[in-house]
Amino acid sequence: MDKEIAFRIIGIVHSPFKKPVGVPIQPAAAEGVKGTVEVFEGFAEGLKGIEGFSHIYLIYYFHLAKGGSLLVKPYMDENVRGVFATRAPSRPNRIGISIVKLVGVEGNILHVEDIDIVDGTPLLDIKPYVPEFDIREGCKKGWLEENVHKLPQARDDGRFVEKE
């Protein structure tokens, strides 16, 4: 099945990161990094009630990542893994997700923290983070079990970026 689906960009993510290299690879490693999410005016009405949440999911398009391979060498590991067993940005559908802290709302602008997203990234969707919906007990971390301790220092090294 080789069908295509089109998405509408609903906004743009703004962050201090002007290119992928050096960006923390997960929001947990970007603690305190501030940014904004500009929701386009045509979608601003959809923000009604969002101010009551402390955290939100940002779903976005990895616009600077190179085309996806099914096998990748992920950050924090030296072994080649299947892309679906990683959070690598270079994937068949270059969709990313991040849970960020929502610190304020001004009209169509969301002020966020713990952002691990490159400035100018196209936003596809926003969803509220609800611990009762999203936290699961007894989770296994697969190959990351022995590597997750590397997260605080892990940064994008450019391996998944299209070369200019």
Protein backbone atom coordinates (compact mmCIF):
# COMPACT_ATOMS: atom_id res chain seq x y z
CA MET A 1 0.00 0.00 0.00
CA ASP A 2 1.67 3.19 -1.16
CA LYS A 3 -1.03 5.78 -0.52
CA GLU A 4 -0.20 9.30 0.59
CA ILE A 5 -1.83 11.41 3.27
CA ALA A 6 -1.56 15.18 3.29
CA PHE A 7 -1.40 17.21 6.50
CA ARG A 8 -2.11 20.88 7.04
CA ILE A 9 0.46 22.86 8.96
CA ILE A 10 -1.34 24.53 11.88
CA GLY A 11 1.56 26.61 13.15
CA ILE A 12 5.28 27.06 13.59
CA VAL A 13 7.53 26.19 16.54
CA HIS A 14 10.03 28.85 17.64
CA SER A 15 13.04 27.91 19.74
CA PRO A 16 16.61 29.05 20.36
CA PHE A 17 17.89 26.19 18.16
CA LYS A 18 18.56 27.50 14.65
CA LYS A 19 19.78 24.16 13.24
CA PRO A 20 19.53 20.53 14.39
CA VAL A 21 23.15 20.05 15.46
CA GLY A 22 23.42 20.55 19.22
CA VAL A 23 19.70 20.24 19.99
CA PRO A 24 18.86 18.05 23.01
CA ILE A 25 17.39 14.83 21.64
CA GLN A 26 14.40 14.67 24.01
CA PRO A 27 12.46 17.25 26.09
CA ALA A 28 13.75 15.66 29.32
CA ALA A 29 17.25 16.81 28.30
CA ALA A 30 16.02 20.32 27.40
CA GLU A 31 14.81 21.27 30.87
CA GLY A 32 14.24 25.01 31.13
CA VAL A 33 14.77 25.73 27.41
CA LYS A 34 12.10 28.26 26.46
CA GLY A 35 10.26 28.61 23.18
CA THR A 36 6.95 29.59 21.66
CA VAL A 37 4.43 27.86 19.47
CA GLU A 38 2.71 30.13 16.98
CA VAL A 39 -0.66 28.66 16.05
CA PHE A 40 -1.93 30.15 12.79
CA GLU A 41 -4.96 32.42 13.18
CA GLY A 42 -7.23 30.01 11.33
CA PHE A 43 -6.60 27.39 14.03
CA ALA A 44 -6.42 29.66 17.11
CA GLU A 45 -10.01 28.90 18.15
CA GLY A 46 -8.85 25.31 18.76
CA LEU A 47 -6.73 26.53 21.70
CA LYS A 48 -9.80 27.28 23.84
CA GLY A 49 -9.29 25.59 27.23
CA ILE A 50 -5.64 24.66 26.67
CA GLU A 51 -4.44 27.04 29.41
CA GLY A 52 -5.68 24.59 32.05
CA PHE A 53 -3.02 22.01 31.14
CA SER A 54 0.52 22.06 32.50
CA HIS A 55 1.97 20.01 29.62
CA ILE A 56 1.08 19.43 25.98
CA TYR A 57 2.16 17.15 23.18
CA LEU A 58 3.51 18.92 20.12
CA ILE A 59 3.27 16.83 16.96
CA TYR A 60 5.44 18.20 14.19
CA TYR A 61 7.22 17.54 10.93
CA PHE A 62 10.99 16.94 10.94
CA HIS A 63 11.44 19.30 7.98
CA LEU A 64 15.25 19.22 8.10
CA ALA A 65 15.70 15.45 8.45
CA LYS A 66 16.87 13.40 5.51
CA GLY A 67 14.64 10.75 4.01
CA GLY A 68 14.00 7.72 6.13
CA SER A 69 15.90 4.48 6.19
CA LEU A 70 14.45 1.47 7.94
CA LEU A 71 17.77 0.84 9.68
CA VAL A 72 19.48 3.62 11.66
CA LYS A 73 22.26 4.07 14.18
CA PRO A 74 20.36 5.97 16.89
CA TYR A 75 21.70 8.55 19.28
CA MET A 76 23.07 6.99 22.49
CA ASP A 77 23.90 3.67 20.83
CA GLU A 78 26.51 2.23 18.49
CA ASN A 79 24.32 -0.54 17.09
CA VAL A 80 22.09 -0.35 14.03
CA ARG A 81 18.42 -0.64 14.99
CA GLY A 82 15.12 -0.71 13.16
CA VAL A 83 13.83 2.84 12.86
CA PHE A 84 10.58 1.91 14.62
CA ALA A 85 12.60 0.86 17.68
CA THR A 86 14.11 4.37 17.85
CA ARG A 87 13.06 8.00 18.06
CA ALA A 88 15.37 9.01 15.22
CA PRO A 89 14.04 11.91 13.10
CA SER A 90 14.94 10.22 9.81
CA ARG A 91 11.93 7.93 9.27
CA PRO A 92 9.47 7.00 6.52
CA ASN A 93 7.08 9.69 7.80
CA ARG A 94 9.18 12.37 9.46
CA ILE A 95 6.76 13.00 12.32
CA GLY A 96 8.04 14.01 15.75
CA ILE A 97 6.39 14.30 19.15
CA SER A 98 7.52 16.17 22.23
CA ILE A 99 5.89 16.71 25.60
CA VAL A 100 6.59 20.30 26.65
CA LYS A 101 5.61 22.39 29.64
CA LEU A 102 2.92 24.97 28.85
CA VAL A 103 3.76 28.13 30.81
CA GLY A 104 1.40 30.63 29.22
CA VAL A 105 -1.03 31.44 26.45
CA GLU A 106 -1.31 34.83 24.71
CA GLY A 107 -3.90 34.66 21.97
CA ASN A 108 -2.48 32.29 19.35
CA ILE A 109 0.97 32.07 20.98
CA LEU A 110 1.83 29.30 23.43
CA HIS A 111 4.81 29.88 25.72
CA VAL A 112 6.54 26.59 26.44
CA GLU A 113 9.58 25.17 28.21
CA ASP A 114 11.67 22.01 27.86
CA ILE A 115 11.60 22.36 24.09
CA ASP A 116 13.82 20.11 21.96
CA ILE A 117 12.63 21.31 18.55
CA VAL A 118 14.44 23.33 15.87
CA ASP A 119 13.23 26.89 15.23
CA GLY A 120 10.86 27.08 12.27
CA THR A 121 9.58 23.51 12.56
CA PRO A 122 6.10 23.03 11.07
CA LEU A 123 3.47 22.13 13.68
CA LEU A 124 0.92 19.44 12.74
CA ASP A 125 -1.11 19.09 15.96
CA ILE A 126 -1.31 19.75 19.70
CA LYS A 127 -2.79 17.43 22.30
CA PRO A 128 -3.04 17.83 26.07
CA TYR A 129 -0.83 15.63 28.22
CA VAL A 130 -2.91 13.83 30.87
CA PRO A 131 -0.94 11.58 33.26
CA GLU A 132 -3.91 9.27 33.85
CA PHE A 133 -4.13 8.67 30.11
CA ASP A 134 -0.45 8.62 29.26
CA ILE A 135 1.57 7.05 32.12
CA ARG A 136 1.87 3.28 32.09
CA GLU A 137 3.29 1.14 34.89
CA GLY A 138 5.81 -1.66 34.36
CA CYS A 139 7.18 -0.37 31.07
CA LYS A 140 10.21 -1.90 29.40
CA LYS A 141 12.76 0.31 27.63
CA GLY A 142 14.17 -2.22 25.17
CA TRP A 143 17.73 -1.50 24.02
CA LEU A 144 17.53 1.92 25.69
CA GLU A 145 17.53 0.29 29.14
CA GLU A 146 21.35 0.28 29.13
CA ASN A 147 21.67 3.65 27.35
CA VAL A 148 19.02 5.96 28.84
CA HIS A 149 21.55 7.29 31.37
CA LYS A 150 23.27 9.06 28.44
CA LEU A 151 20.26 11.32 27.79
CA PRO A 152 21.32 14.42 29.77
CA GLN A 153 24.40 14.87 27.56
CA ALA A 154 22.98 13.55 24.28
CA ARG A 155 22.69 16.13 21.49
CA ASP A 156 21.90 15.99 17.80
CA ASP A 157 25.17 15.44 15.95
CA GLY A 158 23.79 16.00 12.46
CA ARG A 159 23.65 12.35 11.38
CA PHE A 160 19.99 12.62 10.29
CA VAL A 161 20.13 16.02 8.57
CA GLU A 162 20.05 16.51 4.81
CA LYS A 163 23.47 17.70 3.68
CA GLU A 164 23.36 21.04 1.88
